C-alpha atoms as a PDB file:
ATOM      1  CA  MET A   1      97.433  90.595 123.386  1.00  0.00           C
ATOM      2  CA  LYS A   2      98.970  92.546 120.506  1.00  0.00           C
ATOM      3  CA  SER A   3      96.814  95.106 118.692  1.00  0.00           C
ATOM      4  CA  ILE A   4      97.195  96.922 115.376  1.00  0.00           C
ATOM      5  CA  PHE A   5      96.363 100.123 117.270  1.00  0.00           C
ATOM      6  CA  ASP A   6      99.703  99.998 119.150  1.00  0.00           C
ATOM      7  CA  LYS A   7     102.498 101.781 117.287  1.00  0.00           C
ATOM      8  CA  PRO A   8     105.258  99.267 118.145  1.00  0.00           C
ATOM      9  CA  THR A   9     103.039  96.461 116.840  1.00  0.00           C
ATOM     10  CA  ARG A  10     102.292  98.364 113.617  1.00  0.00           C
ATOM     11  CA  ASP A  11     105.995  99.108 113.159  1.00  0.00           C
ATOM     12  CA  GLU A  12     106.848  95.414 113.654  1.00  0.00           C
ATOM     13  CA  LEU A  13     104.259  94.344 111.086  1.00  0.00           C
ATOM     14  CA  ILE A  14     105.367  96.962 108.555  1.00  0.00           C
ATOM     15  CA  GLY A  15     108.965  95.795 108.978  1.00  0.00           C
ATOM     16  CA  ARG A  16     107.850  92.243 108.250  1.00  0.00           C
ATOM     17  CA  ILE A  17     105.791  93.350 105.219  1.00  0.00           C
ATOM     18  CA  ASN A  18     108.895  95.093 103.887  1.00  0.00           C
ATOM     19  CA  THR A  19     110.789  91.770 103.858  1.00  0.00           C
ATOM     20  CA  LEU A  20     108.381  90.327 101.285  1.00  0.00           C
ATOM     21  CA  ASN A  21     109.261  90.344  97.592  1.00  0.00           C
ATOM     22  CA  GLU A  22     108.360  88.736  94.262  1.00  0.00           C
ATOM     23  CA  ASN A  23     110.309  85.612  95.257  1.00  0.00           C
ATOM     24  CA  SER A  24     108.533  85.047  98.587  1.00  0.00           C
ATOM     25  CA  ILE A  25     106.995  81.571  98.689  1.00  0.00           C
ATOM     26  CA  ALA A  26     104.080  80.378 100.804  1.00  0.00           C
ATOM     27  CA  GLN A  27     104.825  77.873 103.566  1.00  0.00           C
ATOM     28  CA  TRP A  28     101.200  76.673 103.292  1.00  0.00           C
ATOM     29  CA  GLY A  29      97.983  77.455 101.445  1.00  0.00           C
ATOM     30  CA  SER A  30      97.302  78.047  97.775  1.00  0.00           C
ATOM     31  CA  MET A  31      97.956  81.790  97.392  1.00  0.00           C
ATOM     32  CA  ASN A  32     101.076  83.163  95.776  1.00  0.00           C
ATOM     33  CA  ILE A  33     102.703  86.369  97.072  1.00  0.00           C
ATOM     34  CA  TYR A  34     100.666  88.700  94.852  1.00  0.00           C
ATOM     35  CA  GLN A  35      97.380  87.031  95.803  1.00  0.00           C
ATOM     36  CA  MET A  36      98.206  87.220  99.516  1.00  0.00           C
ATOM     37  CA  LEU A  37      99.137  90.905  99.328  1.00  0.00           C
ATOM     38  CA  LYS A  38      95.984  91.759  97.381  1.00  0.00           C
ATOM     39  CA  HIS A  39      93.878  89.679  99.816  1.00  0.00           C
ATOM     40  CA  CYS A  40      95.328  91.609 102.742  1.00  0.00           C
ATOM     41  CA  VAL A  41      94.689  94.963 101.046  1.00  0.00           C
ATOM     42  CA  LEU A  42      91.055  93.972 100.488  1.00  0.00           C
ATOM     43  CA  ALA A  43      90.759  92.890 104.130  1.00  0.00           C
ATOM     44  CA  GLU A  44      92.327  96.108 105.462  1.00  0.00           C
ATOM     45  CA  GLU A  45      89.914  98.178 103.387  1.00  0.00           C
ATOM     46  CA  MET A  46      87.043  96.398 105.113  1.00  0.00           C
ATOM     47  CA  TYR A  47      88.569  96.686 108.609  1.00  0.00           C
ATOM     48  CA  LEU A  48      89.098 100.413 108.057  1.00  0.00           C
ATOM     49  CA  GLY A  49      85.481 100.888 106.978  1.00  0.00           C
ATOM     50  CA  LYS A  50      86.287 101.692 103.346  1.00  0.00           C
ATOM     51  CA  THR A  51      84.237  98.728 102.067  1.00  0.00           C
ATOM     52  CA  LYS A  52      81.273  96.800 103.452  1.00  0.00           C
ATOM     53  CA  HIS A  53      80.394  93.130 103.005  1.00  0.00           C
ATOM     54  CA  PRO A  54      77.164  91.345 103.897  1.00  0.00           C
ATOM     55  CA  ARG A  55      77.012  88.979 106.858  1.00  0.00           C
ATOM     56  CA  MET A  56      77.327  85.302 106.108  1.00  0.00           C
ATOM     57  CA  PHE A  57      74.500  83.094 107.397  1.00  0.00           C
ATOM     58  CA  LEU A  58      76.835  80.658 109.149  1.00  0.00           C
ATOM     59  CA  GLY A  59      78.542  83.622 110.770  1.00  0.00           C
ATOM     60  CA  ARG A  60      75.249  84.725 112.285  1.00  0.00           C
ATOM     61  CA  LEU A  61      75.117  81.348 114.020  1.00  0.00           C
ATOM     62  CA  LEU A  62      78.761  80.822 114.969  1.00  0.00           C
ATOM     63  CA  GLY A  63      80.509  84.172 114.483  1.00  0.00           C
ATOM     64  CA  GLN A  64      80.626  85.552 118.011  1.00  0.00           C
ATOM     65  CA  SER A  65      81.684  82.271 119.629  1.00  0.00           C
ATOM     66  CA  THR A  66      84.371  81.752 116.968  1.00  0.00           C
ATOM     67  CA  LEU A  67      85.691  85.280 117.517  1.00  0.00           C
ATOM     68  CA  LYS A  68      85.881  84.824 121.298  1.00  0.00           C
ATOM     69  CA  LYS A  69      87.742  81.538 120.879  1.00  0.00           C
ATOM     70  CA  MET A  70      90.165  83.105 118.379  1.00  0.00           C
ATOM     71  CA  LEU A  71      90.942  86.103 120.600  1.00  0.00           C
ATOM     72  CA  LYS A  72      91.169  84.265 123.936  1.00  0.00           C
ATOM     73  CA  ASP A  73      94.976  84.133 123.815  1.00  0.00           C
ATOM     74  CA  GLU A  74      98.087  84.781 121.708  1.00  0.00           C
ATOM     75  CA  THR A  75      97.712  81.566 119.686  1.00  0.00           C
ATOM     76  CA  PRO A  76      98.187  82.349 115.961  1.00  0.00           C
ATOM     77  CA  MET A  77      95.346  81.767 113.523  1.00  0.00           C
ATOM     78  CA  SER A  78      95.225  78.239 112.165  1.00  0.00           C
ATOM     79  CA  ARG A  79      96.581  77.469 108.728  1.00  0.00           C
ATOM     80  CA  ASN A  80      94.221  77.402 105.759  1.00  0.00           C
ATOM     81  CA  ALA A  81      91.462  79.332 107.561  1.00  0.00           C
ATOM     82  CA  PRO A  82      88.443  79.903 105.292  1.00  0.00           C
ATOM     83  CA  THR A  83      87.591  83.294 103.814  1.00  0.00           C
ATOM     84  CA  ALA A  84      84.666  84.856 101.971  1.00  0.00           C
ATOM     85  CA  ALA A  85      84.623  84.894  98.173  1.00  0.00           C
ATOM     86  CA  ALA A  86      85.032  88.690  98.185  1.00  0.00           C
ATOM     87  CA  PHE A  87      88.543  88.256  99.617  1.00  0.00           C
ATOM     88  CA  LYS A  88      89.698  85.451  97.312  1.00  0.00           C
ATOM     89  CA  VAL A  89      92.058  86.782  94.664  1.00  0.00           C
ATOM     90  CA  THR A  90      91.865  84.764  91.465  1.00  0.00           C
ATOM     91  CA  GLU A  91      94.344  86.659  89.282  1.00  0.00           C
ATOM     92  CA  LYS A  92      97.759  85.021  89.604  1.00  0.00           C
ATOM     93  CA  GLU A  93      99.962  87.947  88.630  1.00  0.00           C
ATOM     94  CA  GLY A  94     100.162  91.611  89.505  1.00  0.00           C
ATOM     95  CA  ASP A  95     102.396  94.338  90.865  1.00  0.00           C
ATOM     96  CA  VAL A  96     103.803  92.959  94.133  1.00  0.00           C
ATOM     97  CA  SER A  97     105.562  96.212  94.995  1.00  0.00           C
ATOM     98  CA  ALA A  98     102.395  98.276  94.509  1.00  0.00           C
ATOM     99  CA  GLU A  99     100.322  95.916  96.690  1.00  0.00           C
ATOM    100  CA  LYS A 100     102.989  96.035  99.405  1.00  0.00           C
ATOM    101  CA  LYS A 101     102.882  99.839  99.374  1.00  0.00           C
ATOM    102  CA  LYS A 102      99.067  99.822  99.590  1.00  0.00           C
ATOM    103  CA  TRP A 103      99.130  97.356 102.498  1.00  0.00           C
ATOM    104  CA  ILE A 104     101.704  99.419 104.379  1.00  0.00           C
ATOM    105  CA  ALA A 105      99.750 102.654 103.804  1.00  0.00           C
ATOM    106  CA  LEU A 106      96.539 101.018 105.045  1.00  0.00           C
ATOM    107  CA  THR A 107      98.349  99.616 108.084  1.00  0.00           C
ATOM    108  CA  GLU A 108      99.645 103.095 108.918  1.00  0.00           C
ATOM    109  CA  GLU A 109      96.049 104.419 108.919  1.00  0.00           C
ATOM    110  CA  TYR A 110      95.385 102.563 112.189  1.00  0.00           C
ATOM    111  CA  ALA A 111      97.375 105.283 113.975  1.00  0.00           C
ATOM    112  CA  ASN A 112      94.351 107.581 113.601  1.00  0.00           C
ATOM    113  CA  TYR A 113      91.489 105.115 113.341  1.00  0.00           C
ATOM    114  CA  ARG A 114      89.327 103.863 116.189  1.00  0.00           C
ATOM    115  CA  PRO A 115      86.036 102.473 114.954  1.00  0.00           C
ATOM    116  CA  PRO A 116      83.143 102.594 117.409  1.00  0.00           C
ATOM    117  CA  TYR A 117      82.579  99.042 116.133  1.00  0.00           C
ATOM    118  CA  LEU A 118      82.954  97.021 112.948  1.00  0.00           C
ATOM    119  CA  VAL A 119      80.432  94.641 111.420  1.00  0.00           C
ATOM    120  CA  TYR A 120      82.576  91.812 110.071  1.00  0.00           C
ATOM    121  CA  TRP A 121      81.218  89.508 107.359  1.00  0.00           C
ATOM    122  CA  PHE A 122      81.514  86.420 109.601  1.00  0.00           C
ATOM    123  CA  PHE A 123      81.903  87.536 113.232  1.00  0.00           C
ATOM    124  CA  GLY A 124      79.350  90.326 113.172  1.00  0.00           C
ATOM    125  CA  LYS A 125      79.711  93.345 115.439  1.00  0.00           C
ATOM    126  CA  MET A 126      83.233  93.722 116.840  1.00  0.00           C
ATOM    127  CA  THR A 127      84.468  96.127 119.518  1.00  0.00           C
ATOM    128  CA  PRO A 128      87.520  98.328 118.852  1.00  0.00           C
ATOM    129  CA  GLU A 129      89.607  96.051 121.094  1.00  0.00           C
ATOM    130  CA  GLN A 130      88.503  92.978 119.114  1.00  0.00           C
ATOM    131  CA  VAL A 131      89.204  94.761 115.814  1.00  0.00           C
ATOM    132  CA  GLY A 132      92.734  95.692 116.914  1.00  0.00           C
ATOM    133  CA  GLN A 133      93.553  92.181 118.062  1.00  0.00           C
ATOM    134  CA  PHE A 134      91.959  90.451 115.079  1.00  0.00           C
ATOM    135  CA  VAL A 135      93.665  92.687 112.521  1.00  0.00           C
ATOM    136  CA  TYR A 136      96.996  91.916 114.205  1.00  0.00           C
ATOM    137  CA  LYS A 137      96.292  88.170 114.116  1.00  0.00           C
ATOM    138  CA  HIS A 138      95.187  88.241 110.469  1.00  0.00           C
ATOM    139  CA  THR A 139      98.262  90.212 109.409  1.00  0.00           C
ATOM    140  CA  ASP A 140     100.589  87.990 111.439  1.00  0.00           C
ATOM    141  CA  HIS A 141      98.927  84.897 109.953  1.00  0.00           C
ATOM    142  CA  HIS A 142      99.698  85.915 106.370  1.00  0.00           C
ATOM    143  CA  LEU A 143     103.189  87.149 107.165  1.00  0.00           C
ATOM    144  CA  ARG A 144     103.977  83.802 108.828  1.00  0.00           C
ATOM    145  CA  GLN A 145     102.469  82.093 105.771  1.00  0.00           C
ATOM    146  CA  PHE A 146     105.236  83.683 103.698  1.00  0.00           C
ATOM    147  CA  GLY A 147     108.016  83.331 106.253  1.00  0.00           C
ATOM    148  CA  ALA A 148     108.108  87.001 107.227  1.00  0.00           C
END
């Protein structure tokens, strides 16, 4: 399973991020390119421990089983997966280039980051291996969403 902690995987993802531009159009979902980039920056900040978000009640009930199912194989995340309100970007316009640069810089931080664990807003406590695999899947999901 691919992991954000592996340099070749990070390099592949950064290459794909670099193909995005103001004219990139979603293949599914309701976000435009700016909203997706900003959403991913917000998510990376949480994965890297820069921000914290409270656990969701439903996640306390279903989080661990959902995580195990999601990480059982290489299957991409399903389209239109739900997210917490904190990661929903409502502004429609912004600096696409700046958000791309932020996302790339945050992605590069995984070279020197190994959390002992992460408490995710839905899944709860995640091991470093789970974090690496999930971050890859989340990034891949949104890049596929925009054809990258």
